[in-house]
PDB file of N, CA and C in Angstrom:
ATOM      1  N   MET A   1       0.864  -1.336  -0.078  1.00  0.00           N
ATOM      2  CA  MET A   1       0.092   0.060   0.261  1.00  0.00           C
ATOM      3  C   MET A   1       1.393   1.106  -0.099  1.00  0.00           C
ATOM      4  N   ASP A   2       0.692   2.378  -0.995  1.00  0.00           N
ATOM      5  CA  ASP A   2       1.261   3.150  -0.974  1.00  0.00           C
ATOM      6  C   ASP A   2       1.380   4.495  -0.032  1.00  0.00           C
ATOM      7  N   LEU A   3       1.800   5.318   0.338  1.00  0.00           N
ATOM      8  CA  LEU A   3       2.134   6.149   1.382  1.00  0.00           C
ATOM      9  C   LEU A   3       0.769   6.674   0.917  1.00  0.00           C
ATOM     10  N   ARG A   4       1.117   7.877  -0.050  1.00  0.00           N
ATOM     11  CA  ARG A   4      -0.899   8.350  -0.674  1.00  0.00           C
ATOM     12  C   ARG A   4      -2.188   7.521  -0.150  1.00  0.00           C
ATOM     13  N   LYS A   5      -1.949   6.682  -0.413  1.00  0.00           N
ATOM     14  CA  LYS A   5      -4.036   5.783  -0.663  1.00  0.00           C
ATOM     15  C   LYS A   5      -3.710   5.929   1.513  1.00  0.00           C
ATOM     16  N   LEU A   6      -2.195   5.695   2.117  1.00  0.00           N
ATOM     17  CA  LEU A   6      -2.974   5.640   3.329  1.00  0.00           C
ATOM     18  C   LEU A   6      -2.681   7.180   4.297  1.00  0.00           C
ATOM     19  N   LYS A   7      -2.073   7.645   3.971  1.00  0.00           N
ATOM     20  CA  LYS A   7      -2.723   9.003   4.393  1.00  0.00           C
ATOM     21  C   LYS A   7      -4.254   9.466   4.014  1.00  0.00           C
ATOM     22  N   THR A   8      -4.049   9.179   2.974  1.00  0.00           N
ATOM     23  CA  THR A   8      -6.036   9.598   2.730  1.00  0.00           C
ATOM     24  C   THR A   8      -7.389   8.768   3.666  1.00  0.00           C
ATOM     25  N   LEU A   9      -6.768   7.736   3.997  1.00  0.00           N
ATOM     26  CA  LEU A   9      -7.358   6.670   4.757  1.00  0.00           C
ATOM     27  C   LEU A   9      -7.085   7.039   6.359  1.00  0.00           C
ATOM     28  N   ILE A  10      -5.864   7.485   6.740  1.00  0.00           N
ATOM     29  CA  ILE A  10      -6.338   8.262   7.845  1.00  0.00           C
ATOM     30  C   ILE A  10      -6.835   9.546   8.554  1.00  0.00           C
ATOM     31  N   ASP A  11      -6.935  10.716   7.097  1.00  0.00           N
ATOM     32  CA  ASP A  11      -7.711  11.562   6.924  1.00  0.00           C
ATOM     33  C   ASP A  11      -9.149  11.558   7.244  1.00  0.00           C
ATOM     34  N   LEU A  12      -9.130  10.295   6.448  1.00  0.00           N
ATOM     35  CA  LEU A  12     -11.154   9.439   6.253  1.00  0.00           C
ATOM     36  C   LEU A  12     -11.121   9.342   7.556  1.00  0.00           C
ATOM     37  N   VAL A  13     -10.760   8.766   8.104  1.00  0.00           N
ATOM     38  CA  VAL A  13     -11.255   8.171   9.935  1.00  0.00           C
ATOM     39  C   VAL A  13     -10.756   9.681  10.719  1.00  0.00           C
ATOM     40  N   ALA A  14      -9.505  10.651  10.223  1.00  0.00           N
ATOM     41  CA  ALA A  14      -9.751  11.398  11.460  1.00  0.00           C
ATOM     42  C   ALA A  14     -10.754  12.196  11.129  1.00  0.00           C
ATOM     43  N   GLU A  15     -11.972  12.508   9.800  1.00  0.00           N
ATOM     44  CA  GLU A  15     -12.596  13.353   9.630  1.00  0.00           C
ATOM     45  C   GLU A  15     -14.299  12.929  10.071  1.00  0.00           C
ATOM     46  N   SER A  16     -14.122  11.297  10.326  1.00  0.00           N
ATOM     47  CA  SER A  16     -15.796  11.104  10.214  1.00  0.00           C
ATOM     48  C   SER A  16     -15.562  10.614  11.975  1.00  0.00           C
ATOM     49  N   ASP A  17     -17.017   9.946  11.666  1.00  0.00           N
ATOM     50  CA  ASP A  17     -17.125   9.195  13.592  1.00  0.00           C
ATOM     51  C   ASP A  17     -16.719   7.916  13.763  1.00  0.00           C
ATOM     52  N   ILE A  18     -16.204   7.008  12.819  1.00  0.00           N
ATOM     53  CA  ILE A  18     -15.469   5.844  12.918  1.00  0.00           C
ATOM     54  C   ILE A  18     -14.085   6.127  13.205  1.00  0.00           C
ATOM     55  N   ALA A  19     -14.707   4.825  14.424  1.00  0.00           N
ATOM     56  CA  ALA A  19     -13.654   4.887  15.523  1.00  0.00           C
ATOM     57  C   ALA A  19     -12.775   3.865  15.522  1.00  0.00           C
ATOM     58  N   GLU A  20     -12.745   2.411  14.530  1.00  0.00           N
ATOM     59  CA  GLU A  20     -11.447   1.558  13.623  1.00  0.00           C
ATOM     60  C   GLU A  20     -12.059   0.948  12.523  1.00  0.00           C
ATOM     61  N   LEU A  21     -10.732   1.557  11.522  1.00  0.00           N
ATOM     62  CA  LEU A  21     -10.994   0.667   9.909  1.00  0.00           C
ATOM     63  C   LEU A  21      -9.595  -0.087   9.905  1.00  0.00           C
ATOM     64  N   GLU A  22      -9.983  -0.842   9.555  1.00  0.00           N
ATOM     65  CA  GLU A  22      -8.841  -2.651   9.581  1.00  0.00           C
ATOM     66  C   GLU A  22      -9.064  -2.324   7.295  1.00  0.00           C
ATOM     67  N   VAL A  23      -8.119  -2.853   6.922  1.00  0.00           N
ATOM     68  CA  VAL A  23      -8.123  -2.746   5.196  1.00  0.00           C
ATOM     69  C   VAL A  23      -7.225  -3.574   5.038  1.00  0.00           C
ATOM     70  N   THR A  24      -7.717  -5.047   4.511  1.00  0.00           N
ATOM     71  CA  THR A  24      -6.561  -5.883   3.531  1.00  0.00           C
ATOM     72  C   THR A  24      -6.325  -5.477   2.161  1.00  0.00           C
ATOM     73  N   GLU A  25      -5.313  -5.477   1.484  1.00  0.00           N
ATOM     74  CA  GLU A  25      -4.730  -5.084   0.014  1.00  0.00           C
ATOM     75  C   GLU A  25      -3.972  -6.152   0.059  1.00  0.00           C
ATOM     76  N   GLY A  26      -4.347  -7.514  -0.713  1.00  0.00           N
ATOM     77  CA  GLY A  26      -3.178  -8.160  -1.947  1.00  0.00           C
ATOM     78  C   GLY A  26      -2.204  -8.929   0.323  1.00  0.00           C
ATOM     79  N   GLU A  27      -1.605  -8.531  -0.076  1.00  0.00           N
ATOM     80  CA  GLU A  27      -0.808  -9.114   1.580  1.00  0.00           C
ATOM     81  C   GLU A  27      -1.028  -8.348   2.481  1.00  0.00           C
ATOM     82  N   SER A  28      -0.692  -7.341   2.372  1.00  0.00           N
ATOM     83  CA  SER A  28      -0.613  -5.904   3.073  1.00  0.00           C
ATOM     84  C   SER A  28      -2.240  -5.838   4.319  1.00  0.00           C
ATOM     85  N   LYS A  29      -1.737  -5.512   5.480  1.00  0.00           N
ATOM     86  CA  LYS A  29      -3.205  -4.744   6.249  1.00  0.00           C
ATOM     87  C   LYS A  29      -2.379  -3.934   6.783  1.00  0.00           C
ATOM     88  N   VAL A  30      -3.850  -3.103   6.817  1.00  0.00           N
ATOM     89  CA  VAL A  30      -3.427  -1.887   7.926  1.00  0.00           C
ATOM     90  C   VAL A  30      -4.818  -1.486   8.764  1.00  0.00           C
ATOM     91  N   ARG A  31      -3.967  -1.667   9.810  1.00  0.00           N
ATOM     92  CA  ARG A  31      -5.243  -1.176  10.535  1.00  0.00           C
ATOM     93  C   ARG A  31      -4.978   0.392  11.399  1.00  0.00           C
ATOM     94  N   ILE A  32      -6.067   1.262  11.719  1.00  0.00           N
ATOM     95  CA  ILE A  32      -5.815   2.472  12.360  1.00  0.00           C
ATOM     96  C   ILE A  32      -7.266   2.962  13.021  1.00  0.00           C
ATOM     97  N   VAL A  33      -6.997   3.029  14.249  1.00  0.00           N
ATOM     98  CA  VAL A  33      -6.976   3.629  15.488  1.00  0.00           C
ATOM     99  C   VAL A  33      -7.766   4.260  15.951  1.00  0.00           C
ATOM    100  N   LYS A  34      -8.752   5.354  16.467  1.00  0.00           N
ATOM    101  CA  LYS A  34      -8.202   6.843  16.477  1.00  0.00           C
ATOM    102  C   LYS A  34      -8.081   6.706  18.068  1.00  0.00           C
ATOM    103  N   SER A  35      -8.343   7.782  18.269  1.00  0.00           N
ATOM    104  CA  SER A  35      -7.261   7.646  19.908  1.00  0.00           C
ATOM    105  C   SER A  35      -8.710   8.588  20.337  1.00  0.00           C
ATOM    106  N   SER A  36      -9.579   8.885  20.913  1.00  0.00           N
ATOM    107  CA  SER A  36      -9.791   9.675  21.936  1.00  0.00           C
ATOM    108  C   SER A  36      -9.513  11.152  22.495  1.00  0.00           C
ATOM    109  N   GLY A  37      -8.541  11.118  22.926  1.00  0.00           N
ATOM    110  CA  GLY A  37      -7.841  12.080  23.239  1.00  0.00           C
ATOM    111  C   GLY A  37      -8.031  12.405  25.081  1.00  0.00           C
ATOM    112  N   VAL A  38      -9.116  11.442  25.564  1.00  0.00           N
ATOM    113  CA  VAL A  38      -9.269  11.371  26.711  1.00  0.00           C
ATOM    114  C   VAL A  38      -9.192  10.282  27.491  1.00  0.00           C
ATOM    115  N   PRO A  39      -8.132  10.034  28.488  1.00  0.00           N
ATOM    116  CA  PRO A  39      -7.766   8.819  29.596  1.00  0.00           C
ATOM    117  C   PRO A  39      -8.684   8.459  30.132  1.00  0.00           C
ATOM    118  N   GLN A  40      -9.478   6.691  29.466  1.00  0.00           N
ATOM    119  CA  GLN A  40      -9.441   5.753  29.722  1.00  0.00           C
ATOM    120  C   GLN A  40      -9.841   6.130  31.880  1.00  0.00           C
ATOM    121  N   ASN A  41     -11.290   6.095  32.153  1.00  0.00           N
ATOM    122  CA  ASN A  41     -11.279   5.769  33.662  1.00  0.00           C
ATOM    123  C   ASN A  41     -10.779   3.991  34.316  1.00  0.00           C
ATOM    124  N   GLN A  42      -9.840   4.677  35.184  1.00  0.00           N
ATOM    125  CA  GLN A  42      -9.649   3.336  35.381  1.00  0.00           C
ATOM    126  C   GLN A  42     -10.204   2.746  36.849  1.00  0.00           C
ATOM    127  N   LEU A  43     -10.723   1.495  36.799  1.00  0.00           N
ATOM    128  CA  LEU A  43     -12.038   1.351  38.333  1.00  0.00           C
ATOM    129  C   LEU A  43     -11.232  -0.074  38.422  1.00  0.00           C
ATOM    130  N   VAL A  44     -10.851   0.599  40.105  1.00  0.00           N
ATOM    131  CA  VAL A  44      -9.618  -0.201  41.441  1.00  0.00           C
ATOM    132  C   VAL A  44     -10.641  -0.474  41.714  1.00  0.00           C
ATOM    133  N   MET A  45     -10.485  -2.059  42.064  1.00  0.00           N
ATOM    134  CA  MET A  45     -11.242  -2.411  43.657  1.00  0.00           C
ATOM    135  C   MET A  45     -10.295  -2.146  44.838  1.00  0.00           C
ATOM    136  N   MET A  46     -11.016  -1.998  45.381  1.00  0.00           N
ATOM    137  CA  MET A  46     -10.393  -1.370  46.619  1.00  0.00           C
ATOM    138  C   MET A  46     -10.693  -2.989  47.817  1.00  0.00           C
ATOM    139  N   PRO A  47      -9.616  -2.558  49.117  1.00  0.00           N
ATOM    140  CA  PRO A  47      -9.958  -4.252  49.836  1.00  0.00           C
ATOM    141  C   PRO A  47     -10.810  -3.852  50.549  1.00  0.00           C
ATOM    142  N   PRO A  48     -11.780  -4.720  51.347  1.00  0.00           N
ATOM    143  CA  PRO A  48     -13.207  -4.432  52.142  1.00  0.00           C
ATOM    144  C   PRO A  48     -12.572  -3.856  54.020  1.00  0.00           C
ATOM    145  N   GLN A  49     -13.022  -3.062  53.932  1.00  0.00           N
ATOM    146  CA  GLN A  49     -13.010  -2.317  55.391  1.00  0.00           C
ATOM    147  C   GLN A  49     -14.270  -2.881  56.501  1.00  0.00           C
ATOM    148  N   GLY A  50     -13.241  -2.776  57.342  1.00  0.00           N
ATOM    149  CA  GLY A  50     -13.871  -3.739  58.621  1.00  0.00           C
ATOM    150  C   GLY A  50     -14.588  -2.536  58.702  1.00  0.00           C
ATOM    151  N   MET A  51     -16.000  -2.914  59.735  1.00  0.00           N
ATOM    152  CA  MET A  51     -16.998  -2.017  60.111  1.00  0.00           C
ATOM    153  C   MET A  51     -16.443  -0.396  61.105  1.00  0.00           C
ATOM    154  N   THR A  52     -16.561   0.257  61.819  1.00  0.00           N
ATOM    155  CA  THR A  52     -16.549   1.185  62.139  1.00  0.00           C
ATOM    156  C   THR A  52     -18.170   1.360  62.710  1.00  0.00           C
ATOM    157  N   GLN A  53     -18.140   0.770  64.373  1.00  0.00           N
ATOM    158  CA  GLN A  53     -19.198   1.684  64.710  1.00  0.00           C
ATOM    159  C   GLN A  53     -18.483   2.771  65.535  1.00  0.00           C
ATOM    160  N   HIS A  54     -20.125   3.796  65.576  1.00  0.00           N
ATOM    161  CA  HIS A  54     -19.752   5.377  65.681  1.00  0.00           C
ATOM    162  C   HIS A  54     -20.615   5.498  67.864  1.00  0.00           C
ATOM    163  N   TYR A  55     -19.990   6.151  68.142  1.00  0.00           N
ATOM    164  CA  TYR A  55     -21.547   6.254  69.402  1.00  0.00           C
ATOM    165  C   TYR A  55     -21.687   7.471  69.770  1.00  0.00           C
ATOM    166  N   ALA A  56     -22.614   7.745  70.364  1.00  0.00           N
ATOM    167  CA  ALA A  56     -22.998   8.889  70.866  1.00  0.00           C
ATOM    168  C   ALA A  56     -22.230   9.764  71.739  1.00  0.00           C
ATOM    169  N   ALA A  57     -21.690  10.364  71.633  1.00  0.00           N
ATOM    170  CA  ALA A  57     -21.105  11.537  73.312  1.00  0.00           C
ATOM    171  C   ALA A  57     -22.505  11.273  73.981  1.00  0.00           C
ATOM    172  N   PRO A  58     -21.383  11.661  75.454  1.00  0.00           N
ATOM    173  CA  PRO A  58     -22.361  11.040  76.870  1.00  0.00           C
ATOM    174  C   PRO A  58     -23.286  12.636  77.030  1.00  0.00           C
TER     175      PRO A  58
END
């Protein structure tokens, strides 16, 4: 795949709502993935905490 065709594909993905494009041409295979630029939130599991008891003041 020549450089001009690759640049055209990159521009098409950048200007569209497509998030990912994969093209196979002969033995060549190109995959273009658009990055959102916003980092994904990571889910972190915290270990369970013990129960705390609160007592009223006398």
